[in-house]
């Protein structure tokens, strides 16, 4: 059974950095797309960035382009979200998600991800 566990959230001042981690277990993820999403209070869950485990292709939302970077460690089954130049509007619960195997659909849709972590809170103060 797929399990995703996020860590690394916290409180940071605007302009600061955080690195979120996602520990993935339960199967081999070599043909999966791994994504980070976020959800602010009263708003829909939105795509932030994704990576295809095999090959390392990435896709980044315009709102975080140039500030956020996704990476993965194959040996450790870990996915990371490096967040730099954080802004108050980045405040949200951040979720790690995994697609179905060999997923070829839209990366930015939550419907493409049947597996989710419990989320980690990121708060950016002004």
PDB file of N, CA and C in Angstrom:
ATOM      1  N   UNK A   1       0.841  -1.189   0.000  1.00  0.00           N
ATOM      2  CA  UNK A   1       0.000   0.000   0.000  1.00  0.00           C
ATOM      3  C   UNK A   1       0.882   1.247   0.000  1.00  0.00           C
ATOM      4  N   UNK A   2       0.543   2.166  -0.894  1.00  0.00           N
ATOM      5  CA  UNK A   2       1.332   3.388  -1.019  1.00  0.00           C
ATOM      6  C   UNK A   2       1.135   4.274   0.212  1.00  0.00           C
ATOM      7  N   UNK A   3       2.238   4.749   0.750  1.00  0.00           N
ATOM      8  CA  UNK A   3       2.186   5.707   1.849  1.00  0.00           C
ATOM      9  C   UNK A   3       3.098   6.880   1.520  1.00  0.00           C
ATOM     10  N   UNK A   4       2.597   8.073   1.777  1.00  0.00           N
ATOM     11  CA  UNK A   4       3.359   9.293   1.564  1.00  0.00           C
ATOM     12  C   UNK A   4       3.331  10.088   2.866  1.00  0.00           C
ATOM     13  N   UNK A   5       4.491  10.469   3.340  1.00  0.00           N
ATOM     14  CA  UNK A   5       4.589  11.195   4.600  1.00  0.00           C
ATOM     15  C   UNK A   5       5.424  12.448   4.389  1.00  0.00           C
ATOM     16  N   UNK A   6       4.786  13.603   4.582  1.00  0.00           N
ATOM     17  CA  UNK A   6       5.478  14.873   4.413  1.00  0.00           C
ATOM     18  C   UNK A   6       6.097  15.335   5.736  1.00  0.00           C
ATOM     19  N   UNK A   7       7.132  16.132   5.607  1.00  0.00           N
ATOM     20  CA  UNK A   7       7.757  16.762   6.767  1.00  0.00           C
ATOM     21  C   UNK A   7       8.469  18.025   6.308  1.00  0.00           C
ATOM     22  N   UNK A   8       8.843  18.859   7.272  1.00  0.00           N
ATOM     23  CA  UNK A   8       9.634  20.041   6.958  1.00  0.00           C
ATOM     24  C   UNK A   8       8.894  21.357   6.971  1.00  0.00           C
ATOM     25  N   UNK A   9       7.598  21.319   7.195  1.00  0.00           N
ATOM     26  CA  UNK A   9       6.854  22.567   7.232  1.00  0.00           C
ATOM     27  C   UNK A   9       7.189  23.370   8.478  1.00  0.00           C
ATOM     28  N   UNK A  10       6.691  24.606   8.518  1.00  0.00           N
ATOM     29  CA  UNK A  10       6.930  25.455   9.679  1.00  0.00           C
ATOM     30  C   UNK A  10       6.621  26.897   9.390  1.00  0.00           C
ATOM     31  N   UNK A  11       7.094  27.749  10.294  1.00  0.00           N
ATOM     32  CA  UNK A  11       6.895  29.189  10.184  1.00  0.00           C
ATOM     33  C   UNK A  11       8.191  29.831   9.706  1.00  0.00           C
ATOM     34  N   UNK A  12       8.084  30.680   8.701  1.00  0.00           N
ATOM     35  CA  UNK A  12       9.268  31.349   8.157  1.00  0.00           C
ATOM     36  C   UNK A  12       8.883  32.771   7.763  1.00  0.00           C
ATOM     37  N   UNK A  13       9.847  33.664   7.825  1.00  0.00           N
ATOM     38  CA  UNK A  13       9.589  35.040   7.411  1.00  0.00           C
ATOM     39  C   UNK A  13       9.615  35.155   5.894  1.00  0.00           C
ATOM     40  N   UNK A  14       8.930  36.150   5.396  1.00  0.00           N
ATOM     41  CA  UNK A  14       8.947  36.408   3.958  1.00  0.00           C
ATOM     42  C   UNK A  14      10.385  36.581   3.477  1.00  0.00           C
ATOM     43  N   UNK A  15      10.667  35.983   2.334  1.00  0.00           N
ATOM     44  CA  UNK A  15      12.014  36.002   1.787  1.00  0.00           C
ATOM     45  C   UNK A  15      12.856  34.822   2.202  1.00  0.00           C
ATOM     46  N   UNK A  16      12.388  34.062   3.164  1.00  0.00           N
ATOM     47  CA  UNK A  16      13.119  32.912   3.664  1.00  0.00           C
ATOM     48  C   UNK A  16      12.912  31.670   2.814  1.00  0.00           C
ATOM     49  N   UNK A  17      13.477  30.568   3.295  1.00  0.00           N
ATOM     50  CA  UNK A  17      13.438  29.295   2.573  1.00  0.00           C
ATOM     51  C   UNK A  17      13.016  28.159   3.483  1.00  0.00           C
ATOM     52  N   UNK A  18      12.427  27.149   2.884  1.00  0.00           N
ATOM     53  CA  UNK A  18      12.104  25.899   3.562  1.00  0.00           C
ATOM     54  C   UNK A  18      12.289  24.769   2.570  1.00  0.00           C
ATOM     55  N   UNK A  19      12.600  23.588   3.092  1.00  0.00           N
ATOM     56  CA  UNK A  19      12.625  22.396   2.260  1.00  0.00           C
ATOM     57  C   UNK A  19      11.669  21.372   2.840  1.00  0.00           C
ATOM     58  N   UNK A  20      10.714  20.987   2.036  1.00  0.00           N
ATOM     59  CA  UNK A  20       9.775  19.949   2.421  1.00  0.00           C
ATOM     60  C   UNK A  20      10.267  18.607   1.898  1.00  0.00           C
ATOM     61  N   UNK A  21       9.990  17.570   2.667  1.00  0.00           N
ATOM     62  CA  UNK A  21      10.356  16.217   2.275  1.00  0.00           C
ATOM     63  C   UNK A  21       9.126  15.343   2.217  1.00  0.00           C
ATOM     64  N   UNK A  22       9.151  14.383   1.323  1.00  0.00           N
ATOM     65  CA  UNK A  22       8.073  13.406   1.196  1.00  0.00           C
ATOM     66  C   UNK A  22       8.702  12.028   1.136  1.00  0.00           C
ATOM     67  N   UNK A  23       8.406  11.222   2.148  1.00  0.00           N
ATOM     68  CA  UNK A  23       8.890   9.850   2.176  1.00  0.00           C
ATOM     69  C   UNK A  23       7.838   8.953   1.551  1.00  0.00           C
ATOM     70  N   UNK A  24       8.213   8.283   0.478  1.00  0.00           N
ATOM     71  CA  UNK A  24       7.288   7.432  -0.259  1.00  0.00           C
ATOM     72  C   UNK A  24       7.618   5.962  -0.006  1.00  0.00           C
ATOM     73  N   UNK A  25       6.595   5.170   0.248  1.00  0.00           N
ATOM     74  CA  UNK A  25       6.818   3.751   0.512  1.00  0.00           C
ATOM     75  C   UNK A  25       5.639   2.934   0.010  1.00  0.00           C
ATOM     76  N   UNK A  26       5.823   1.641  -0.031  1.00  0.00           N
ATOM     77  CA  UNK A  26       4.741   0.743  -0.365  1.00  0.00           C
ATOM     78  C   UNK A  26       4.851   0.089  -1.725  1.00  0.00           C
ATOM     79  N   UNK A  27       5.663   0.683  -2.595  1.00  0.00           N
ATOM     80  CA  UNK A  27       5.863   0.081  -3.916  1.00  0.00           C
ATOM     81  C   UNK A  27       6.990   0.823  -4.624  1.00  0.00           C
ATOM     82  N   UNK A  28       7.300   0.371  -5.811  1.00  0.00           N
ATOM     83  CA  UNK A  28       8.291   1.053  -6.635  1.00  0.00           C
ATOM     84  C   UNK A  28       7.610   2.195  -7.371  1.00  0.00           C
ATOM     85  N   UNK A  29       8.245   3.360  -7.352  1.00  0.00           N
ATOM     86  CA  UNK A  29       7.620   4.543  -7.934  1.00  0.00           C
ATOM     87  C   UNK A  29       8.239   4.941  -9.267  1.00  0.00           C
ATOM     88  N   UNK A  30       8.934   4.046  -9.887  1.00  0.00           N
ATOM     89  CA  UNK A  30       9.713   4.411 -11.062  1.00  0.00           C
ATOM     90  C   UNK A  30       8.852   4.898 -12.222  1.00  0.00           C
ATOM     91  N   UNK A  31       7.591   4.559 -12.278  1.00  0.00           N
ATOM     92  CA  UNK A  31       6.732   4.998 -13.378  1.00  0.00           C
ATOM     93  C   UNK A  31       5.649   5.956 -12.928  1.00  0.00           C
ATOM     94  N   UNK A  32       5.884   6.613 -11.830  1.00  0.00           N
ATOM     95  CA  UNK A  32       4.896   7.520 -11.269  1.00  0.00           C
ATOM     96  C   UNK A  32       5.272   8.974 -11.545  1.00  0.00           C
ATOM     97  N   UNK A  33       4.271   9.818 -11.487  1.00  0.00           N
ATOM     98  CA  UNK A  33       4.472  11.259 -11.371  1.00  0.00           C
ATOM     99  C   UNK A  33       4.258  11.615  -9.904  1.00  0.00           C
ATOM    100  N   UNK A  34       5.196  12.326  -9.324  1.00  0.00           N
ATOM    101  CA  UNK A  34       5.076  12.786  -7.941  1.00  0.00           C
ATOM    102  C   UNK A  34       4.804  14.291  -7.968  1.00  0.00           C
ATOM    103  N   UNK A  35       3.821  14.715  -7.225  1.00  0.00           N
ATOM    104  CA  UNK A  35       3.463  16.118  -7.243  1.00  0.00           C
ATOM    105  C   UNK A  35       3.389  16.722  -5.850  1.00  0.00           C
ATOM    106  N   UNK A  36       3.600  18.017  -5.810  1.00  0.00           N
ATOM    107  CA  UNK A  36       3.330  18.799  -4.602  1.00  0.00           C
ATOM    108  C   UNK A  36       2.154  19.719  -4.908  1.00  0.00           C
ATOM    109  N   UNK A  37       1.191  19.698  -4.030  1.00  0.00           N
ATOM    110  CA  UNK A  37       0.034  20.575  -4.104  1.00  0.00           C
ATOM    111  C   UNK A  37      -0.033  21.381  -2.821  1.00  0.00           C
ATOM    112  N   UNK A  38      -0.839  22.425  -2.838  1.00  0.00           N
ATOM    113  CA  UNK A  38      -1.050  23.199  -1.614  1.00  0.00           C
ATOM    114  C   UNK A  38      -2.485  23.660  -1.548  1.00  0.00           C
ATOM    115  N   UNK A  39      -2.927  23.894  -0.310  1.00  0.00           N
ATOM    116  CA  UNK A  39      -4.299  24.360  -0.099  1.00  0.00           C
ATOM    117  C   UNK A  39      -4.309  25.389   1.013  1.00  0.00           C
ATOM    118  N   UNK A  40      -4.686  26.602   0.648  1.00  0.00           N
ATOM    119  CA  UNK A  40      -4.832  27.685   1.621  1.00  0.00           C
ATOM    120  C   UNK A  40      -6.260  27.684   2.151  1.00  0.00           C
ATOM    121  N   UNK A  41      -6.483  28.258   3.330  1.00  0.00           N
ATOM    122  CA  UNK A  41      -7.837  28.277   3.901  1.00  0.00           C
ATOM    123  C   UNK A  41      -8.848  28.911   2.953  1.00  0.00           C
ATOM    124  N   UNK A  42      -9.951  28.206   2.738  1.00  0.00           N
ATOM    125  CA  UNK A  42     -11.010  28.722   1.886  1.00  0.00           C
ATOM    126  C   UNK A  42     -10.754  28.624   0.403  1.00  0.00           C
ATOM    127  N   UNK A  43      -9.648  28.004   0.015  1.00  0.00           N
ATOM    128  CA  UNK A  43      -9.308  27.894  -1.403  1.00  0.00           C
ATOM    129  C   UNK A  43      -9.200  26.445  -1.823  1.00  0.00           C
ATOM    130  N   UNK A  44      -9.279  26.227  -3.114  1.00  0.00           N
ATOM    131  CA  UNK A  44      -9.144  24.880  -3.647  1.00  0.00           C
ATOM    132  C   UNK A  44      -7.684  24.434  -3.603  1.00  0.00           C
ATOM    133  N   UNK A  45      -7.499  23.138  -3.582  1.00  0.00           N
ATOM    134  CA  UNK A  45      -6.145  22.597  -3.624  1.00  0.00           C
ATOM    135  C   UNK A  45      -5.554  22.865  -5.006  1.00  0.00           C
ATOM    136  N   UNK A  46      -4.326  23.370  -5.030  1.00  0.00           N
ATOM    137  CA  UNK A  46      -3.727  23.731  -6.302  1.00  0.00           C
ATOM    138  C   UNK A  46      -2.377  23.062  -6.499  1.00  0.00           C
ATOM    139  N   UNK A  47      -2.081  22.802  -7.749  1.00  0.00           N
ATOM    140  CA  UNK A  47      -0.813  22.192  -8.129  1.00  0.00           C
ATOM    141  C   UNK A  47       0.314  23.201  -7.950  1.00  0.00           C
ATOM    142  N   UNK A  48       1.444  22.694  -7.444  1.00  0.00           N
ATOM    143  CA  UNK A  48       2.631  23.538  -7.284  1.00  0.00           C
ATOM    144  C   UNK A  48       3.731  23.098  -8.241  1.00  0.00           C
ATOM    145  N   UNK A  49       4.114  21.839  -8.147  1.00  0.00           N
ATOM    146  CA  UNK A  49       5.203  21.349  -8.974  1.00  0.00           C
ATOM    147  C   UNK A  49       5.143  19.831  -9.014  1.00  0.00           C
ATOM    148  N   UNK A  50       5.607  19.241 -10.131  1.00  0.00           N
ATOM    149  CA  UNK A  50       5.607  17.802 -10.250  1.00  0.00           C
ATOM    150  C   UNK A  50       6.880  17.299 -10.906  1.00  0.00           C
ATOM    151  N   UNK A  51       7.143  16.011 -10.712  1.00  0.00           N
ATOM    152  CA  UNK A  51       8.317  15.385 -11.313  1.00  0.00           C
ATOM    153  C   UNK A  51       7.971  13.955 -11.693  1.00  0.00           C
ATOM    154  N   UNK A  52       8.422  13.558 -12.854  1.00  0.00           N
ATOM    155  CA  UNK A  52       8.272  12.151 -13.224  1.00  0.00           C
ATOM    156  C   UNK A  52       9.470  11.415 -12.654  1.00  0.00           C
ATOM    157  N   UNK A  53       9.164  10.368 -11.896  1.00  0.00           N
ATOM    158  CA  UNK A  53      10.226   9.704 -11.152  1.00  0.00           C
ATOM    159  C   UNK A  53      11.311   9.198 -12.085  1.00  0.00           C
ATOM    160  N   UNK A  54      10.906   8.552 -13.165  1.00  0.00           N
ATOM    161  CA  UNK A  54      11.874   8.078 -14.152  1.00  0.00           C
ATOM    162  C   UNK A  54      12.111   9.169 -15.181  1.00  0.00           C
ATOM    163  N   UNK A  55      13.327   9.610 -15.284  1.00  0.00           N
ATOM    164  CA  UNK A  55      13.657  10.651 -16.254  1.00  0.00           C
ATOM    165  C   UNK A  55      13.796  12.024 -15.635  1.00  0.00           C
ATOM    166  N   UNK A  56      13.036  12.296 -14.592  1.00  0.00           N
ATOM    167  CA  UNK A  56      13.178  13.554 -13.882  1.00  0.00           C
ATOM    168  C   UNK A  56      12.545  14.757 -14.523  1.00  0.00           C
ATOM    169  N   UNK A  57      11.684  14.564 -15.519  1.00  0.00           N
ATOM    170  CA  UNK A  57      10.988  15.707 -16.106  1.00  0.00           C
ATOM    171  C   UNK A  57      10.161  16.411 -15.045  1.00  0.00           C
ATOM    172  N   UNK A  58      10.160  17.736 -15.088  1.00  0.00           N
ATOM    173  CA  UNK A  58       9.430  18.511 -14.097  1.00  0.00           C
ATOM    174  C   UNK A  58       8.465  19.482 -14.757  1.00  0.00           C
ATOM    175  N   UNK A  59       7.488  19.897 -13.985  1.00  0.00           N
ATOM    176  CA  UNK A  59       6.523  20.893 -14.433  1.00  0.00           C
ATOM    177  C   UNK A  59       6.222  21.775 -13.233  1.00  0.00           C
ATOM    178  N   UNK A  60       6.345  23.081 -13.412  1.00  0.00           N
ATOM    179  CA  UNK A  60       6.246  24.018 -12.304  1.00  0.00           C
ATOM    180  C   UNK A  60       5.123  25.012 -12.575  1.00  0.00           C
ATOM    181  N   UNK A  61       4.299  25.255 -11.573  1.00  0.00           N
ATOM    182  CA  UNK A  61       3.235  26.244 -11.719  1.00  0.00           C
ATOM    183  C   UNK A  61       3.838  27.641 -11.864  1.00  0.00           C
ATOM    184  N   UNK A  62       3.194  28.477 -12.629  1.00  0.00           N
ATOM    185  CA  UNK A  62       3.699  29.829 -12.877  1.00  0.00           C
ATOM    186  C   UNK A  62       3.866  30.614 -11.579  1.00  0.00           C
ATOM    187  N   UNK A  63       3.001  30.362 -10.614  1.00  0.00           N
ATOM    188  CA  UNK A  63       3.020  31.136  -9.377  1.00  0.00           C
ATOM    189  C   UNK A  63       4.283  30.930  -8.550  1.00  0.00           C
ATOM    190  N   UNK A  64       4.988  29.827  -8.801  1.00  0.00           N
ATOM    191  CA  UNK A  64       6.188  29.535  -8.013  1.00  0.00           C
ATOM    192  C   UNK A  64       7.433  29.372  -8.888  1.00  0.00           C
ATOM    193  N   UNK A  65       7.281  29.569 -10.158  1.00  0.00           N
ATOM    194  CA  UNK A  65       8.394  29.369 -11.078  1.00  0.00           C
ATOM    195  C   UNK A  65       9.545  30.304 -10.722  1.00  0.00           C
ATOM    196  N   UNK A  66      10.746  29.723 -10.688  1.00  0.00           N
ATOM    197  CA  UNK A  66      11.925  30.498 -10.325  1.00  0.00           C
ATOM    198  C   UNK A  66      12.184  30.544  -8.832  1.00  0.00           C
ATOM    199  N   UNK A  67      11.227  30.088  -8.035  1.00  0.00           N
ATOM    200  CA  UNK A  67      11.383  30.090  -6.574  1.00  0.00           C
ATOM    201  C   UNK A  67      11.357  28.691  -5.968  1.00  0.00           C
ATOM    202  N   UNK A  68      10.556  27.802  -6.527  1.00  0.00           N
ATOM    203  CA  UNK A  68      10.400  26.451  -5.998  1.00  0.00           C
ATOM    204  C   UNK A  68      11.043  25.440  -6.943  1.00  0.00           C
ATOM    205  N   UNK A  69      11.639  24.414  -6.355  1.00  0.00           N
ATOM    206  CA  UNK A  69      12.279  23.354  -7.138  1.00  0.00           C
ATOM    207  C   UNK A  69      11.937  22.002  -6.538  1.00  0.00           C
ATOM    208  N   UNK A  70      11.618  21.052  -7.390  1.00  0.00           N
ATOM    209  CA  UNK A  70      11.334  19.696  -6.944  1.00  0.00           C
ATOM    210  C   UNK A  70      12.499  18.799  -7.340  1.00  0.00           C
ATOM    211  N   UNK A  71      12.779  17.823  -6.481  1.00  0.00           N
ATOM    212  CA  UNK A  71      13.815  16.839  -6.786  1.00  0.00           C
ATOM    213  C   UNK A  71      13.446  15.527  -6.122  1.00  0.00           C
ATOM    214  N   UNK A  72      14.131  14.453  -6.523  1.00  0.00           N
ATOM    215  CA  UNK A  72      13.883  13.175  -5.887  1.00  0.00           C
ATOM    216  C   UNK A  72      15.180  12.434  -5.692  1.00  0.00           C
ATOM    217  N   UNK A  73      15.172  11.561  -4.690  1.00  0.00           N
ATOM    218  CA  UNK A  73      16.313  10.709  -4.387  1.00  0.00           C
ATOM    219  C   UNK A  73      15.850   9.271  -4.588  1.00  0.00           C
ATOM    220  N   UNK A  74      16.286   8.678  -5.671  1.00  0.00           N
ATOM    221  CA  UNK A  74      15.817   7.334  -6.000  1.00  0.00           C
ATOM    222  C   UNK A  74      16.182   6.323  -4.925  1.00  0.00           C
ATOM    223  N   UNK A  75      17.382   6.417  -4.401  1.00  0.00           N
ATOM    224  CA  UNK A  75      17.858   5.433  -3.428  1.00  0.00           C
ATOM    225  C   UNK A  75      17.057   5.479  -2.135  1.00  0.00           C
ATOM    226  N   UNK A  76      16.608   6.671  -1.768  1.00  0.00           N
ATOM    227  CA  UNK A  76      15.898   6.830  -0.496  1.00  0.00           C
ATOM    228  C   UNK A  76      14.382   6.881  -0.667  1.00  0.00           C
ATOM    229  N   UNK A  77      13.912   6.863  -1.893  1.00  0.00           N
ATOM    230  CA  UNK A  77      12.470   7.000  -2.161  1.00  0.00           C
ATOM    231  C   UNK A  77      11.925   8.288  -1.540  1.00  0.00           C
ATOM    232  N   UNK A  78      12.645   9.364  -1.747  1.00  0.00           N
ATOM    233  CA  UNK A  78      12.260  10.653  -1.194  1.00  0.00           C
ATOM    234  C   UNK A  78      12.035  11.659  -2.313  1.00  0.00           C
ATOM    235  N   UNK A  79      11.077  12.545  -2.083  1.00  0.00           N
ATOM    236  CA  UNK A  79      10.830  13.667  -2.977  1.00  0.00           C
ATOM    237  C   UNK A  79      10.933  14.939  -2.142  1.00  0.00           C
ATOM    238  N   UNK A  80      11.566  15.947  -2.712  1.00  0.00           N
ATOM    239  CA  UNK A  80      11.805  17.172  -1.970  1.00  0.00           C
ATOM    240  C   UNK A  80      11.208  18.376  -2.689  1.00  0.00           C
ATOM    241  N   UNK A  81      10.793  19.345  -1.911  1.00  0.00           N
ATOM    242  CA  UNK A  81      10.351  20.624  -2.455  1.00  0.00           C
ATOM    243  C   UNK A  81      11.167  21.720  -1.791  1.00  0.00           C
ATOM    244  N   UNK A  82      12.067  22.302  -2.553  1.00  0.00           N
ATOM    245  CA  UNK A  82      12.860  23.420  -2.066  1.00  0.00           C
ATOM    246  C   UNK A  82      12.130  24.711  -2.390  1.00  0.00           C
ATOM    247  N   UNK A  83      11.825  25.479  -1.358  1.00  0.00           N
ATOM    248  CA  UNK A  83      11.068  26.710  -1.526  1.00  0.00           C
ATOM    249  C   UNK A  83      11.918  27.892  -1.098  1.00  0.00           C
ATOM    250  N   UNK A  84      12.198  28.768  -2.029  1.00  0.00           N
ATOM    251  CA  UNK A  84      13.003  29.957  -1.761  1.00  0.00           C
ATOM    252  C   UNK A  84      12.170  31.214  -1.996  1.00  0.00           C
ATOM    253  N   UNK A  85      12.661  32.321  -1.473  1.00  0.00           N
ATOM    254  CA  UNK A  85      11.986  33.616  -1.645  1.00  0.00           C
ATOM    255  C   UNK A  85      10.507  33.510  -1.305  1.00  0.00           C
ATOM    256  N   UNK A  86      10.219  32.920  -0.186  1.00  0.00           N
ATOM    257  CA  UNK A  86       8.827  32.667   0.194  1.00  0.00           C
ATOM    258  C   UNK A  86       8.069  33.968   0.418  1.00  0.00           C
ATOM    259  N   UNK A  87       6.789  33.928   0.075  1.00  0.00           N
ATOM    260  CA  UNK A  87       5.891  35.068   0.205  1.00  0.00           C
ATOM    261  C   UNK A  87       4.725  34.692   1.118  1.00  0.00           C
ATOM    262  N   UNK A  88       4.093  35.679   1.730  1.00  0.00           N
ATOM    263  CA  UNK A  88       2.936  35.362   2.580  1.00  0.00           C
ATOM    264  C   UNK A  88       1.855  34.568   1.829  1.00  0.00           C
ATOM    265  N   UNK A  89       1.704  34.824   0.547  1.00  0.00           N
ATOM    266  CA  UNK A  89       0.685  34.099  -0.221  1.00  0.00           C
ATOM    267  C   UNK A  89       1.047  32.639  -0.467  1.00  0.00           C
ATOM    268  N   UNK A  90       2.251  32.220  -0.086  1.00  0.00           N
ATOM    269  CA  UNK A  90       2.621  30.807  -0.159  1.00  0.00           C
ATOM    270  C   UNK A  90       2.119  30.038   1.056  1.00  0.00           C
ATOM    271  N   UNK A  91       1.565  30.735   2.022  1.00  0.00           N
ATOM    272  CA  UNK A  91       1.038  30.080   3.221  1.00  0.00           C
ATOM    273  C   UNK A  91      -0.078  29.118   2.854  1.00  0.00           C
ATOM    274  N   UNK A  92       0.077  27.861   3.273  1.00  0.00           N
ATOM    275  CA  UNK A  92      -0.885  26.817   2.929  1.00  0.00           C
ATOM    276  C   UNK A  92      -0.453  25.512   3.588  1.00  0.00           C
ATOM    277  N   UNK A  93      -1.335  24.535   3.508  1.00  0.00           N
ATOM    278  CA  UNK A  93      -0.948  23.151   3.804  1.00  0.00           C
ATOM    279  C   UNK A  93      -0.431  22.557   2.498  1.00  0.00           C
ATOM    280  N   UNK A  94       0.742  21.981   2.563  1.00  0.00           N
ATOM    281  CA  UNK A  94       1.384  21.405   1.385  1.00  0.00           C
ATOM    282  C   UNK A  94       1.264  19.892   1.431  1.00  0.00           C
ATOM    283  N   UNK A  95       0.848  19.328   0.308  1.00  0.00           N
ATOM    284  CA  UNK A  95       0.615  17.899   0.206  1.00  0.00           C
ATOM    285  C   UNK A  95       1.521  17.279  -0.853  1.00  0.00           C
ATOM    286  N   UNK A  96       2.036  16.113  -0.534  1.00  0.00           N
ATOM    287  CA  UNK A  96       2.732  15.280  -1.504  1.00  0.00           C
ATOM    288  C   UNK A  96       1.713  14.312  -2.093  1.00  0.00           C
ATOM    289  N   UNK A  97       1.809  14.066  -3.396  1.00  0.00           N
ATOM    290  CA  UNK A  97       0.858  13.189  -4.060  1.00  0.00           C
ATOM    291  C   UNK A  97       1.564  12.319  -5.090  1.00  0.00           C
ATOM    292  N   UNK A  98       1.021  11.140  -5.305  1.00  0.00           N
ATOM    293  CA  UNK A  98       1.563  10.222  -6.309  1.00  0.00           C
ATOM    294  C   UNK A  98       0.471   9.837  -7.289  1.00  0.00           C
ATOM    295  N   UNK A  99       0.846   9.793  -8.558  1.00  0.00           N
ATOM    296  CA  UNK A  99      -0.113   9.424  -9.597  1.00  0.00           C
ATOM    297  C   UNK A  99      -0.280   7.909  -9.643  1.00  0.00           C
ATOM    298  N   UNK A 100      -1.122   7.465 -10.546  1.00  0.00           N
ATOM    299  CA  UNK A 100      -1.160   6.051 -10.886  1.00  0.00           C
ATOM    300  C   UNK A 100       0.075   5.739 -11.739  1.00  0.00           C
ATOM    301  N   UNK A 101       0.454   4.464 -11.841  1.00  0.00           N
ATOM    302  CA  UNK A 101       1.610   4.127 -12.675  1.00  0.00           C
ATOM    303  C   UNK A 101       1.396   4.492 -14.138  1.00  0.00           C
ATOM    304  N   UNK A 102       2.463   4.929 -14.784  1.00  0.00           N
ATOM    305  CA  UNK A 102       2.432   5.248 -16.207  1.00  0.00           C
ATOM    306  C   UNK A 102       1.412   6.331 -16.533  1.00  0.00           C
ATOM    307  N   UNK A 103       1.236   7.249 -15.604  1.00  0.00           N
ATOM    308  CA  UNK A 103       0.252   8.310 -15.786  1.00  0.00           C
ATOM    309  C   UNK A 103       0.666   9.234 -16.917  1.00  0.00           C
ATOM    310  N   UNK A 104      -0.268   9.522 -17.828  1.00  0.00           N
ATOM    311  CA  UNK A 104       0.016  10.410 -18.961  1.00  0.00           C
ATOM    312  C   UNK A 104      -0.974  11.563 -19.026  1.00  0.00           C
ATOM    313  N   UNK A 105      -1.772  11.735 -17.995  1.00  0.00           N
ATOM    314  CA  UNK A 105      -2.762  12.805 -17.982  1.00  0.00           C
ATOM    315  C   UNK A 105      -2.180  14.127 -17.535  1.00  0.00           C
ATOM    316  N   UNK A 106      -3.069  15.014 -17.150  1.00  0.00           N
ATOM    317  CA  UNK A 106      -2.687  16.370 -16.763  1.00  0.00           C
ATOM    318  C   UNK A 106      -2.055  16.366 -15.376  1.00  0.00           C
ATOM    319  N   UNK A 107      -0.867  16.896 -15.279  1.00  0.00           N
ATOM    320  CA  UNK A 107      -0.156  16.853 -14.008  1.00  0.00           C
ATOM    321  C   UNK A 107      -0.790  17.766 -12.961  1.00  0.00           C
ATOM    322  N   UNK A 108      -1.411  18.852 -13.404  1.00  0.00           N
ATOM    323  CA  UNK A 108      -1.862  19.846 -12.442  1.00  0.00           C
ATOM    324  C   UNK A 108      -3.258  19.578 -11.895  1.00  0.00           C
ATOM    325  N   UNK A 109      -3.869  18.476 -12.316  1.00  0.00           N
ATOM    326  CA  UNK A 109      -5.208  18.141 -11.819  1.00  0.00           C
ATOM    327  C   UNK A 109      -5.097  17.186 -10.646  1.00  0.00           C
ATOM    328  N   UNK A 110      -5.819  17.479  -9.559  1.00  0.00           N
ATOM    329  CA  UNK A 110      -5.810  16.579  -8.410  1.00  0.00           C
ATOM    330  C   UNK A 110      -6.370  15.208  -8.776  1.00  0.00           C
ATOM    331  N   UNK A 111      -7.173  15.142  -9.804  1.00  0.00           N
ATOM    332  CA  UNK A 111      -7.808  13.877 -10.197  1.00  0.00           C
ATOM    333  C   UNK A 111      -6.778  12.860 -10.685  1.00  0.00           C
ATOM    334  N   UNK A 112      -5.614  13.308 -11.034  1.00  0.00           N
ATOM    335  CA  UNK A 112      -4.595  12.386 -11.526  1.00  0.00           C
ATOM    336  C   UNK A 112      -3.795  11.714 -10.431  1.00  0.00           C
ATOM    337  N   UNK A 113      -4.112  12.025  -9.182  1.00  0.00           N
ATOM    338  CA  UNK A 113      -3.296  11.557  -8.061  1.00  0.00           C
ATOM    339  C   UNK A 113      -4.170  10.810  -7.049  1.00  0.00           C
ATOM    340  N   UNK A 114      -4.151   9.494  -7.067  1.00  0.00           N
ATOM    341  CA  UNK A 114      -4.948   8.736  -6.109  1.00  0.00           C
ATOM    342  C   UNK A 114      -4.310   8.608  -4.726  1.00  0.00           C
ATOM    343  N   UNK A 115      -3.035   8.960  -4.612  1.00  0.00           N
ATOM    344  CA  UNK A 115      -2.329   8.785  -3.344  1.00  0.00           C
ATOM    345  C   UNK A 115      -1.880  10.143  -2.800  1.00  0.00           C
ATOM    346  N   UNK A 116      -2.182  10.360  -1.525  1.00  0.00           N
ATOM    347  CA  UNK A 116      -1.889  11.653  -0.896  1.00  0.00           C
ATOM    348  C   UNK A 116      -1.291  11.457   0.495  1.00  0.00           C
ATOM    349  N   UNK A 117      -0.419  12.380   0.852  1.00  0.00           N
ATOM    350  CA  UNK A 117       0.054  12.437   2.218  1.00  0.00           C
ATOM    351  C   UNK A 117      -0.912  13.219   3.091  1.00  0.00           C
ATOM    352  N   UNK A 118      -0.556  13.363   4.349  1.00  0.00           N
ATOM    353  CA  UNK A 118      -1.443  14.019   5.306  1.00  0.00           C
ATOM    354  C   UNK A 118      -1.287  15.536   5.289  1.00  0.00           C
ATOM    355  N   UNK A 119      -0.228  16.033   4.671  1.00  0.00           N
ATOM    356  CA  UNK A 119      -0.010  17.466   4.550  1.00  0.00           C
ATOM    357  C   UNK A 119       0.879  18.018   5.643  1.00  0.00           C
ATOM    358  N   UNK A 120       1.557  19.110   5.334  1.00  0.00           N
ATOM    359  CA  UNK A 120       2.387  19.808   6.303  1.00  0.00           C
ATOM    360  C   UNK A 120       2.157  21.305   6.141  1.00  0.00           C
ATOM    361  N   UNK A 121       2.004  22.000   7.265  1.00  0.00           N
ATOM    362  CA  UNK A 121       1.665  23.416   7.238  1.00  0.00           C
ATOM    363  C   UNK A 121       2.903  24.266   6.988  1.00  0.00           C
ATOM    364  N   UNK A 122       2.764  25.191   6.054  1.00  0.00           N
ATOM    365  CA  UNK A 122       3.785  26.205   5.809  1.00  0.00           C
ATOM    366  C   UNK A 122       3.146  27.567   6.032  1.00  0.00           C
ATOM    367  N   UNK A 123       3.737  28.341   6.913  1.00  0.00           N
ATOM    368  CA  UNK A 123       3.237  29.674   7.209  1.00  0.00           C
ATOM    369  C   UNK A 123       4.349  30.686   6.970  1.00  0.00           C
ATOM    370  N   UNK A 124       4.062  31.665   6.126  1.00  0.00           N
ATOM    371  CA  UNK A 124       5.038  32.697   5.794  1.00  0.00           C
ATOM    372  C   UNK A 124       4.543  34.016   6.364  1.00  0.00           C
ATOM    373  N   UNK A 125       5.304  34.584   7.275  1.00  0.00           N
ATOM    374  CA  UNK A 125       4.905  35.837   7.898  1.00  0.00           C
ATOM    375  C   UNK A 125       5.494  37.022   7.140  1.00  0.00           C
ATOM    376  N   UNK A 126       4.757  38.113   7.147  1.00  0.00           N
ATOM    377  CA  UNK A 126       5.202  39.311   6.415  1.00  0.00           C
ATOM    378  C   UNK A 126       6.068  40.209   7.282  1.00  0.00           C
TER     379      UNK A 126
END
